[in-house]
Amino acid sequence: MSLSRTITNGTKERYGKIIKGEELIENGVKIASKYHPQMWQPQNHGTYSINMQCPDETNSVCSLCPHLIFNATHIQGVLYKLEATMIDLQLLSVKLAISRQTSNNTARAELAKEHDRKLSELVGWHEMLSMISDQLLNIDTKDESDKNLPQISQNKPLNDDIFAIRQIELNEAFVELALKATQLNILDESSDKALTKIRLKMVSHAARNHDLNTINKMEAEGLDWFLKEYGSKAIEDKRDYLLSFIGSFNSNYNSMLGNKQEGANDINHLGIETKKKKND
């Protein structure tokens, strides 16, 4: 499968004609078939079919690219990307709210532009997930080409992944993302930010409560033990388990707005800078 996307520039070699102006690319799989598999770059969320040569319009965002090919076997990678984008959007929303009082118009406009880009990226991941869901729901178990695809009717964790994406607090989102990254053996900017955030919260809570056991365990084993135990919990028990290690949820949208400096410090831990207010 591939996404239908509009591009404005393309070569005859790739598309069969020179493209100048808007053109809808409806069959990225057909285009991919023109290239030797050595040009393909497999990823958890799909396969880059033209050796990472993204059309300019995509801004290197995979969910906006007609040349990313995927199927149901990529569902976990797509979910990981979707969840990472949701976190980015939450952080950008907070930063936008804070910037109304701490930044100039130019900075706010840049943030708004980045927010819109992330929103488009999120819509793309949802579109991919919808296509994968349709494929899973229409699997023909007698078809040789479908035999290796996950069976949704017999796979409760997969059902939960697709149909039970919960509205969760930001700290929960970080833990869920870190857990999925660990399961998929992903180490990227999003997973690194999530792990850093969790680590900071847990160390701070442990220090306040003189919990040397947790601190020593983190020094010896990192967060592997915590993520493993969190992942084994039932959905209804995960929040309480997380709260036992971070104390409270105080980095969400409302609390950041209520304490602008705390909010600014919180997102600065993730490598996002805020600027002092200037006259426009």
C-alpha atoms as a PDB file:
ATOM      1  CA  MET A   1       0.000   0.000   0.000  1.00  0.00           C
ATOM      2  CA  SER A   2       0.976   3.627  -0.388  1.00  0.00           C
ATOM      3  CA  LEU A   3      -0.583   7.031   0.195  1.00  0.00           C
ATOM      4  CA  SER A   4      -2.046   9.263  -2.508  1.00  0.00           C
ATOM      5  CA  ARG A   5      -0.203  12.561  -2.344  1.00  0.00           C
ATOM      6  CA  THR A   6       0.191  15.665  -4.495  1.00  0.00           C
ATOM      7  CA  ILE A   7       3.658  16.710  -5.622  1.00  0.00           C
ATOM      8  CA  THR A   8       4.716  19.716  -7.712  1.00  0.00           C
ATOM      9  CA  ASN A   9       7.990  18.570  -9.206  1.00  0.00           C
ATOM     10  CA  GLY A  10       9.214  15.292 -10.657  1.00  0.00           C
ATOM     11  CA  THR A  11      11.446  13.650 -13.254  1.00  0.00           C
ATOM     12  CA  LYS A  12      10.449  11.632 -16.313  1.00  0.00           C
ATOM     13  CA  GLU A  13      12.607   8.734 -15.136  1.00  0.00           C
ATOM     14  CA  ARG A  14      10.600   8.388 -11.938  1.00  0.00           C
ATOM     15  CA  TYR A  15       7.090   9.351 -13.006  1.00  0.00           C
ATOM     16  CA  GLY A  16       7.052   8.671 -16.748  1.00  0.00           C
ATOM     17  CA  LYS A  17       6.814  12.367 -17.481  1.00  0.00           C
ATOM     18  CA  ILE A  18       8.246  15.638 -16.253  1.00  0.00           C
ATOM     19  CA  ILE A  19       6.050  17.103 -13.521  1.00  0.00           C
ATOM     20  CA  LYS A  20       5.896  20.846 -13.069  1.00  0.00           C
ATOM     21  CA  GLY A  21       2.861  21.964 -11.139  1.00  0.00           C
ATOM     22  CA  GLU A  22       0.505  19.955  -8.961  1.00  0.00           C
ATOM     23  CA  GLU A  23       0.162  16.265  -9.784  1.00  0.00           C
ATOM     24  CA  LEU A  24      -1.502  13.556  -7.706  1.00  0.00           C
ATOM     25  CA  ILE A  25       0.621  10.431  -7.210  1.00  0.00           C
ATOM     26  CA  GLU A  26      -1.854   7.632  -6.600  1.00  0.00           C
ATOM     27  CA  ASN A  27       0.299   4.526  -6.900  1.00  0.00           C
ATOM     28  CA  GLY A  28       3.617   4.735  -5.093  1.00  0.00           C
ATOM     29  CA  VAL A  29       3.864   0.925  -5.134  1.00  0.00           C
ATOM     30  CA  LYS A  30       3.925   0.925  -8.949  1.00  0.00           C
ATOM     31  CA  ILE A  31       6.685   3.531  -8.936  1.00  0.00           C
ATOM     32  CA  ALA A  32       8.622   1.545  -6.328  1.00  0.00           C
ATOM     33  CA  SER A  33       8.532  -1.502  -8.596  1.00  0.00           C
ATOM     34  CA  LYS A  34      10.741   0.370 -11.081  1.00  0.00           C
ATOM     35  CA  TYR A  35      13.602   0.469  -8.585  1.00  0.00           C
ATOM     36  CA  HIS A  36      15.907  -2.335  -7.543  1.00  0.00           C
ATOM     37  CA  PRO A  37      15.252  -3.535  -3.967  1.00  0.00           C
ATOM     38  CA  GLN A  38      18.758  -2.356  -3.082  1.00  0.00           C
ATOM     39  CA  MET A  39      17.302   1.152  -3.356  1.00  0.00           C
ATOM     40  CA  TRP A  40      14.671   0.317  -0.755  1.00  0.00           C
ATOM     41  CA  GLN A  41      15.237   1.287   2.878  1.00  0.00           C
ATOM     42  CA  PRO A  42      13.120  -0.794   5.309  1.00  0.00           C
ATOM     43  CA  GLN A  43      11.913   0.867   8.501  1.00  0.00           C
ATOM     44  CA  ASN A  44       9.516  -0.164  11.275  1.00  0.00           C
ATOM     45  CA  HIS A  45       6.752   2.018   9.826  1.00  0.00           C
ATOM     46  CA  GLY A  46       7.212   1.129   6.137  1.00  0.00           C
ATOM     47  CA  THR A  47       9.796   0.997   3.360  1.00  0.00           C
ATOM     48  CA  TYR A  48      11.376   3.988   1.658  1.00  0.00           C
ATOM     49  CA  SER A  49      11.204   2.863  -1.951  1.00  0.00           C
ATOM     50  CA  ILE A  50      13.477   5.421  -3.646  1.00  0.00           C
ATOM     51  CA  ASN A  51      16.442   5.508  -1.288  1.00  0.00           C
ATOM     52  CA  MET A  52      15.259   8.332   0.983  1.00  0.00           C
ATOM     53  CA  GLN A  53      14.810  10.744  -1.944  1.00  0.00           C
ATOM     54  CA  CYS A  54      11.732  12.492  -0.594  1.00  0.00           C
ATOM     55  CA  PRO A  55       9.695  14.914  -2.721  1.00  0.00           C
ATOM     56  CA  ASP A  56      10.213  18.497  -1.562  1.00  0.00           C
ATOM     57  CA  GLU A  57       6.572  18.835  -0.515  1.00  0.00           C
ATOM     58  CA  THR A  58       6.906  16.204   2.201  1.00  0.00           C
ATOM     59  CA  ASN A  59       9.533  18.095   4.240  1.00  0.00           C
ATOM     60  CA  SER A  60      10.973  14.621   4.981  1.00  0.00           C
ATOM     61  CA  VAL A  61       7.764  13.587   6.777  1.00  0.00           C
ATOM     62  CA  CYS A  62       7.043   9.949   5.922  1.00  0.00           C
ATOM     63  CA  SER A  63       3.277  10.139   6.447  1.00  0.00           C
ATOM     64  CA  LEU A  64       3.083  12.828   3.740  1.00  0.00           C
ATOM     65  CA  CYS A  65       5.087  10.864   1.151  1.00  0.00           C
ATOM     66  CA  PRO A  66       3.606   8.829  -1.731  1.00  0.00           C
ATOM     67  CA  HIS A  67       6.783   6.731  -1.921  1.00  0.00           C
ATOM     68  CA  LEU A  68       6.506   5.122   1.514  1.00  0.00           C
ATOM     69  CA  ILE A  69       5.116   1.631   0.960  1.00  0.00           C
ATOM     70  CA  PHE A  70       3.620  -0.313   3.851  1.00  0.00           C
ATOM     71  CA  ASN A  71       1.220  -3.034   4.914  1.00  0.00           C
ATOM     72  CA  ALA A  72      -0.197  -4.584   8.065  1.00  0.00           C
ATOM     73  CA  THR A  73       3.199  -5.893   9.203  1.00  0.00           C
ATOM     74  CA  HIS A  74       4.207  -2.260   9.823  1.00  0.00           C
ATOM     75  CA  ILE A  75       1.368  -1.531  12.243  1.00  0.00           C
ATOM     76  CA  GLN A  76       3.507  -1.266  15.380  1.00  0.00           C
ATOM     77  CA  GLY A  77       5.920   1.133  13.703  1.00  0.00           C
ATOM     78  CA  VAL A  78       3.052   3.289  12.431  1.00  0.00           C
ATOM     79  CA  LEU A  79       1.526   3.365  15.923  1.00  0.00           C
ATOM     80  CA  TYR A  80       4.893   4.402  17.362  1.00  0.00           C
ATOM     81  CA  LYS A  81       5.170   7.282  14.883  1.00  0.00           C
ATOM     82  CA  LEU A  82       1.561   8.307  15.543  1.00  0.00           C
ATOM     83  CA  GLU A  83       2.113   8.402  19.310  1.00  0.00           C
ATOM     84  CA  ALA A  84       5.385  10.332  18.940  1.00  0.00           C
ATOM     85  CA  THR A  85       3.623  12.905  16.757  1.00  0.00           C
ATOM     86  CA  MET A  86       0.791  13.225  19.283  1.00  0.00           C
ATOM     87  CA  ILE A  87       3.338  14.033  21.996  1.00  0.00           C
ATOM     88  CA  ASP A  88       5.021  16.611  19.758  1.00  0.00           C
ATOM     89  CA  LEU A  89       1.641  18.224  19.159  1.00  0.00           C
ATOM     90  CA  GLN A  90       0.871  18.357  22.870  1.00  0.00           C
ATOM     91  CA  LEU A  91       4.209  20.018  23.580  1.00  0.00           C
ATOM     92  CA  LEU A  92       3.765  22.481  20.719  1.00  0.00           C
ATOM     93  CA  SER A  93       0.276  23.366  21.966  1.00  0.00           C
ATOM     94  CA  VAL A  94       1.695  24.136  25.411  1.00  0.00           C
ATOM     95  CA  LYS A  95       4.558  26.104  23.942  1.00  0.00           C
ATOM     96  CA  LEU A  96       2.167  28.109  21.772  1.00  0.00           C
ATOM     97  CA  ALA A  97       0.056  28.980  24.794  1.00  0.00           C
ATOM     98  CA  ILE A  98       3.128  30.076  26.774  1.00  0.00           C
ATOM     99  CA  SER A  99       4.512  32.028  23.813  1.00  0.00           C
ATOM    100  CA  ARG A 100       1.462  34.284  23.756  1.00  0.00           C
ATOM    101  CA  GLN A 101       2.876  35.887  26.892  1.00  0.00           C
ATOM    102  CA  THR A 102       6.609  35.317  26.469  1.00  0.00           C
ATOM    103  CA  SER A 103       7.431  35.582  22.742  1.00  0.00           C
ATOM    104  CA  ASN A 104       7.095  38.007  19.839  1.00  0.00           C
ATOM    105  CA  ASN A 105       4.819  37.668  16.822  1.00  0.00           C
ATOM    106  CA  THR A 106       7.518  36.155  14.626  1.00  0.00           C
ATOM    107  CA  ALA A 107       8.279  33.408  17.142  1.00  0.00           C
ATOM    108  CA  ARG A 108       4.566  32.684  17.556  1.00  0.00           C
ATOM    109  CA  ALA A 109       4.085  32.479  13.781  1.00  0.00           C
ATOM    110  CA  GLU A 110       6.926  29.961  13.496  1.00  0.00           C
ATOM    111  CA  LEU A 111       5.412  27.871  16.277  1.00  0.00           C
ATOM    112  CA  ALA A 112       2.010  27.975  14.611  1.00  0.00           C
ATOM    113  CA  LYS A 113       3.563  26.857  11.322  1.00  0.00           C
ATOM    114  CA  GLU A 114       5.324  23.948  13.019  1.00  0.00           C
ATOM    115  CA  HIS A 115       2.084  23.026  14.815  1.00  0.00           C
ATOM    116  CA  ASP A 116       0.209  22.909  11.489  1.00  0.00           C
ATOM    117  CA  ARG A 117       2.932  20.746   9.951  1.00  0.00           C
ATOM    118  CA  LYS A 118       2.773  18.309  12.866  1.00  0.00           C
ATOM    119  CA  LEU A 119      -1.011  18.210  12.587  1.00  0.00           C
ATOM    120  CA  SER A 120      -0.721  17.267   8.902  1.00  0.00           C
ATOM    121  CA  GLU A 121       1.795  14.587   9.850  1.00  0.00           C
ATOM    122  CA  LEU A 122      -0.599  13.198  12.475  1.00  0.00           C
ATOM    123  CA  VAL A 123      -3.445  13.055   9.951  1.00  0.00           C
ATOM    124  CA  GLY A 124      -1.133  11.118   7.631  1.00  0.00           C
ATOM    125  CA  TRP A 125      -0.305   8.520  10.279  1.00  0.00           C
ATOM    126  CA  HIS A 126      -4.002   8.135  11.058  1.00  0.00           C
ATOM    127  CA  GLU A 127      -4.691   7.632   7.355  1.00  0.00           C
ATOM    128  CA  MET A 128      -2.033   4.908   7.195  1.00  0.00           C
ATOM    129  CA  LEU A 129      -3.451   3.241  10.310  1.00  0.00           C
ATOM    130  CA  SER A 130      -6.924   3.288   8.780  1.00  0.00           C
ATOM    131  CA  MET A 131      -5.642   1.612   5.601  1.00  0.00           C
ATOM    132  CA  ILE A 132      -3.845  -1.025   7.682  1.00  0.00           C
ATOM    133  CA  SER A 133      -6.981  -1.639   9.739  1.00  0.00           C
ATOM    134  CA  ASP A 134      -8.995  -2.164   6.546  1.00  0.00           C
ATOM    135  CA  GLN A 135      -6.384  -4.642   5.321  1.00  0.00           C
ATOM    136  CA  LEU A 136      -6.475  -6.572   8.598  1.00  0.00           C
ATOM    137  CA  LEU A 137     -10.256  -6.706   8.628  1.00  0.00           C
ATOM    138  CA  ASN A 138     -10.297  -8.134   5.100  1.00  0.00           C
ATOM    139  CA  ILE A 139      -7.602 -10.778   5.409  1.00  0.00           C
ATOM    140  CA  ASP A 140      -8.263 -13.928   3.408  1.00  0.00           C
ATOM    141  CA  THR A 141      -6.627 -16.695   5.426  1.00  0.00           C
ATOM    142  CA  LYS A 142      -6.668 -18.920   2.330  1.00  0.00           C
ATOM    143  CA  ASP A 143      -4.730 -16.383   0.291  1.00  0.00           C
ATOM    144  CA  GLU A 144      -1.015 -17.227   0.232  1.00  0.00           C
ATOM    145  CA  SER A 145      -0.071 -13.513   0.179  1.00  0.00           C
ATOM    146  CA  ASP A 146      -2.036 -12.854   3.398  1.00  0.00           C
ATOM    147  CA  LYS A 147      -0.775 -15.778   5.478  1.00  0.00           C
ATOM    148  CA  ASN A 148       2.002 -13.797   7.208  1.00  0.00           C
ATOM    149  CA  LEU A 149      -0.191 -10.838   8.168  1.00  0.00           C
ATOM    150  CA  PRO A 150      -1.309 -10.525  11.815  1.00  0.00           C
ATOM    151  CA  GLN A 151      -4.763 -11.944  12.480  1.00  0.00           C
ATOM    152  CA  ILE A 152      -6.734  -9.157  14.110  1.00  0.00           C
ATOM    153  CA  SER A 153      -9.630 -11.334  15.273  1.00  0.00           C
ATOM    154  CA  GLN A 154      -7.251 -13.582  17.225  1.00  0.00           C
ATOM    155  CA  ASN A 155      -4.871 -10.958  18.529  1.00  0.00           C
ATOM    156  CA  LYS A 156      -6.137  -9.013  21.545  1.00  0.00           C
ATOM    157  CA  PRO A 157      -3.010  -6.822  21.969  1.00  0.00           C
ATOM    158  CA  LEU A 158      -3.277  -5.860  18.316  1.00  0.00           C
ATOM    159  CA  ASN A 159      -6.981  -5.081  18.744  1.00  0.00           C
ATOM    160  CA  ASP A 160      -6.114  -2.865  21.707  1.00  0.00           C
ATOM    161  CA  ASP A 161      -3.390  -1.094  19.715  1.00  0.00           C
ATOM    162  CA  ILE A 162      -5.704  -0.226  16.837  1.00  0.00           C
ATOM    163  CA  PHE A 163      -9.037   0.413  18.479  1.00  0.00           C
ATOM    164  CA  ALA A 164      -8.200   1.494  22.023  1.00  0.00           C
ATOM    165  CA  ILE A 165      -5.832   4.448  21.589  1.00  0.00           C
ATOM    166  CA  ARG A 166      -6.628   6.238  24.833  1.00  0.00           C
ATOM    167  CA  GLN A 167      -6.741   9.904  25.715  1.00  0.00           C
ATOM    168  CA  ILE A 168      -3.838   9.962  28.148  1.00  0.00           C
ATOM    169  CA  GLU A 169      -1.913  12.541  30.138  1.00  0.00           C
ATOM    170  CA  LEU A 170       1.421  13.707  28.759  1.00  0.00           C
ATOM    171  CA  ASN A 171       3.549  11.739  31.234  1.00  0.00           C
ATOM    172  CA  GLU A 172       1.642   8.577  30.355  1.00  0.00           C
ATOM    173  CA  ALA A 173       2.221   9.313  26.685  1.00  0.00           C
ATOM    174  CA  PHE A 174       5.979   9.523  27.279  1.00  0.00           C
ATOM    175  CA  VAL A 175       5.997   6.154  29.061  1.00  0.00           C
ATOM    176  CA  GLU A 176       3.839   4.488  26.395  1.00  0.00           C
ATOM    177  CA  LEU A 177       6.152   5.810  23.686  1.00  0.00           C
ATOM    178  CA  ALA A 178       9.296   4.674  25.515  1.00  0.00           C
ATOM    179  CA  LEU A 179       7.764   1.224  26.031  1.00  0.00           C
ATOM    180  CA  LYS A 180       6.892   0.856  22.361  1.00  0.00           C
ATOM    181  CA  ALA A 181      10.366   2.067  21.352  1.00  0.00           C
ATOM    182  CA  THR A 182      11.915  -0.589  23.584  1.00  0.00           C
ATOM    183  CA  GLN A 183       9.688  -3.302  22.143  1.00  0.00           C
ATOM    184  CA  LEU A 184      10.536  -2.277  18.564  1.00  0.00           C
ATOM    185  CA  ASN A 185      14.218  -1.665  19.307  1.00  0.00           C
ATOM    186  CA  ILE A 186      13.903   1.973  18.217  1.00  0.00           C
ATOM    187  CA  LEU A 187      16.300   4.640  19.427  1.00  0.00           C
ATOM    188  CA  ASP A 188      15.533   8.022  17.880  1.00  0.00           C
ATOM    189  CA  GLU A 189      14.989  11.599  18.988  1.00  0.00           C
ATOM    190  CA  SER A 190      11.425  10.930  20.135  1.00  0.00           C
ATOM    191  CA  SER A 191      12.318   7.906  22.240  1.00  0.00           C
ATOM    192  CA  ASP A 192      15.345   9.691  23.704  1.00  0.00           C
ATOM    193  CA  LYS A 193      13.176  12.639  24.775  1.00  0.00           C
ATOM    194  CA  ALA A 194      10.618  10.275  26.296  1.00  0.00           C
ATOM    195  CA  LEU A 195      13.244   8.359  28.275  1.00  0.00           C
ATOM    196  CA  THR A 196      14.846  11.605  29.470  1.00  0.00           C
ATOM    197  CA  LYS A 197      11.499  12.946  30.613  1.00  0.00           C
ATOM    198  CA  ILE A 198      10.616   9.777  32.524  1.00  0.00           C
ATOM    199  CA  ARG A 199      14.063   9.590  34.118  1.00  0.00           C
ATOM    200  CA  LEU A 200      13.871  13.203  35.330  1.00  0.00           C
ATOM    201  CA  LYS A 201      10.415  12.685  36.824  1.00  0.00           C
ATOM    202  CA  MET A 202      11.360   9.455  38.588  1.00  0.00           C
ATOM    203  CA  VAL A 203      14.651  10.754  40.008  1.00  0.00           C
ATOM    204  CA  SER A 204      12.973  13.927  41.253  1.00  0.00           C
ATOM    205  CA  HIS A 205      10.177  11.997  42.965  1.00  0.00           C
ATOM    206  CA  ALA A 206      12.584   9.448  44.470  1.00  0.00           C
ATOM    207  CA  ALA A 207      14.860  12.201  45.827  1.00  0.00           C
ATOM    208  CA  ARG A 208      11.939  14.045  47.430  1.00  0.00           C
ATOM    209  CA  ASN A 209      10.828  10.827  49.117  1.00  0.00           C
ATOM    210  CA  HIS A 210      14.327   9.573  50.044  1.00  0.00           C
ATOM    211  CA  ASP A 211      13.667   6.488  47.906  1.00  0.00           C
ATOM    212  CA  LEU A 212      17.216   5.175  47.539  1.00  0.00           C
ATOM    213  CA  ASN A 213      15.981   1.792  46.322  1.00  0.00           C
ATOM    214  CA  THR A 214      14.505   3.308  43.140  1.00  0.00           C
ATOM    215  CA  ILE A 215      17.552   5.516  42.557  1.00  0.00           C
ATOM    216  CA  ASN A 216      19.930   2.573  42.980  1.00  0.00           C
ATOM    217  CA  LYS A 217      17.817   0.422  40.684  1.00  0.00           C
ATOM    218  CA  MET A 218      17.819   3.131  38.011  1.00  0.00           C
ATOM    219  CA  GLU A 219      21.602   3.441  38.291  1.00  0.00           C
ATOM    220  CA  ALA A 220      22.037  -0.321  37.909  1.00  0.00           C
ATOM    221  CA  GLU A 221      19.371  -1.131  35.314  1.00  0.00           C
ATOM    222  CA  GLY A 222      18.306   2.148  33.747  1.00  0.00           C
ATOM    223  CA  LEU A 223      14.566   2.143  33.039  1.00  0.00           C
ATOM    224  CA  ASP A 224      14.305  -1.389  31.635  1.00  0.00           C
ATOM    225  CA  TRP A 225      12.817  -2.835  34.821  1.00  0.00           C
ATOM    226  CA  PHE A 226      10.261  -0.030  35.113  1.00  0.00           C
ATOM    227  CA  LEU A 227       9.132  -0.255  31.480  1.00  0.00           C
ATOM    228  CA  LYS A 228       8.905  -4.052  31.665  1.00  0.00           C
ATOM    229  CA  GLU A 229       6.703  -3.932  34.775  1.00  0.00           C
ATOM    230  CA  TYR A 230       4.594  -1.061  33.388  1.00  0.00           C
ATOM    231  CA  GLY A 231       4.059  -2.976  30.150  1.00  0.00           C
ATOM    232  CA  SER A 232       2.866  -6.058  32.025  1.00  0.00           C
ATOM    233  CA  LYS A 233       0.124  -4.132  33.832  1.00  0.00           C
ATOM    234  CA  ALA A 234      -3.502  -4.113  32.728  1.00  0.00           C
ATOM    235  CA  ILE A 235      -4.592  -0.836  31.152  1.00  0.00           C
ATOM    236  CA  GLU A 236      -6.636   0.131  34.221  1.00  0.00           C
ATOM    237  CA  ASP A 237      -3.608  -0.383  36.520  1.00  0.00           C
ATOM    238  CA  LYS A 238      -0.951   1.423  34.488  1.00  0.00           C
ATOM    239  CA  ARG A 239      -1.747   4.934  35.715  1.00  0.00           C
ATOM    240  CA  ASP A 240      -1.538   4.014  39.405  1.00  0.00           C
ATOM    241  CA  TYR A 241       1.754   2.216  38.837  1.00  0.00           C
ATOM    242  CA  LEU A 242       3.200   5.265  37.060  1.00  0.00           C
ATOM    243  CA  LEU A 243       1.939   7.625  39.766  1.00  0.00           C
ATOM    244  CA  SER A 244       3.726   5.561  42.407  1.00  0.00           C
ATOM    245  CA  PHE A 245       7.010   6.587  40.772  1.00  0.00           C
ATOM    246  CA  ILE A 246       6.344  10.201  39.713  1.00  0.00           C
ATOM    247  CA  GLY A 247       3.926  11.325  42.430  1.00  0.00           C
ATOM    248  CA  SER A 248       1.500  13.340  40.330  1.00  0.00           C
ATOM    249  CA  PHE A 249       0.729  14.566  36.851  1.00  0.00           C
ATOM    250  CA  ASN A 250       1.908  18.192  36.886  1.00  0.00           C
ATOM    251  CA  SER A 251       3.186  18.753  33.360  1.00  0.00           C
ATOM    252  CA  ASN A 252      -0.108  18.749  31.540  1.00  0.00           C
ATOM    253  CA  TYR A 253      -1.604  21.620  29.567  1.00  0.00           C
ATOM    254  CA  ASN A 254      -3.495  23.303  32.405  1.00  0.00           C
ATOM    255  CA  SER A 255      -0.681  23.178  34.950  1.00  0.00           C
ATOM    256  CA  MET A 256       1.799  24.572  32.467  1.00  0.00           C
ATOM    257  CA  LEU A 257      -0.500  27.487  31.776  1.00  0.00           C
ATOM    258  CA  GLY A 258      -1.073  27.972  35.484  1.00  0.00           C
ATOM    259  CA  ASN A 259       2.661  28.187  36.153  1.00  0.00           C
ATOM    260  CA  LYS A 260       4.358  29.594  33.078  1.00  0.00           C
ATOM    261  CA  GLN A 261       7.876  29.259  34.451  1.00  0.00           C
ATOM    262  CA  GLU A 262       7.313  25.652  35.499  1.00  0.00           C
ATOM    263  CA  GLY A 263       5.900  24.940  32.067  1.00  0.00           C
ATOM    264  CA  ALA A 264       8.816  26.593  30.348  1.00  0.00           C
ATOM    265  CA  ASN A 265      11.287  24.612  32.461  1.00  0.00           C
ATOM    266  CA  ASP A 266       9.381  21.410  31.760  1.00  0.00           C
ATOM    267  CA  ILE A 267       9.581  21.698  27.984  1.00  0.00           C
ATOM    268  CA  ASN A 268      13.157  22.990  28.165  1.00  0.00           C
ATOM    269  CA  HIS A 269      14.105  19.572  29.588  1.00  0.00           C
ATOM    270  CA  LEU A 270      13.116  18.269  26.162  1.00  0.00           C
ATOM    271  CA  GLY A 271      15.468  20.579  24.296  1.00  0.00           C
ATOM    272  CA  ILE A 272      12.839  23.191  23.422  1.00  0.00           C
ATOM    273  CA  GLU A 273      13.866  26.768  24.033  1.00  0.00           C
ATOM    274  CA  THR A 274      11.595  29.597  25.104  1.00  0.00           C
ATOM    275  CA  LYS A 275      12.399  33.247  24.626  1.00  0.00           C
ATOM    276  CA  LYS A 276      11.766  36.248  26.777  1.00  0.00           C
ATOM    277  CA  LYS A 277       9.075  38.573  25.589  1.00  0.00           C
ATOM    278  CA  LYS A 278      10.256  41.316  23.262  1.00  0.00           C
ATOM    279  CA  ASN A 279       8.554  44.308  21.789  1.00  0.00           C
ATOM    280  CA  ASP A 280       7.410  43.598  18.211  1.00  0.00           C
END
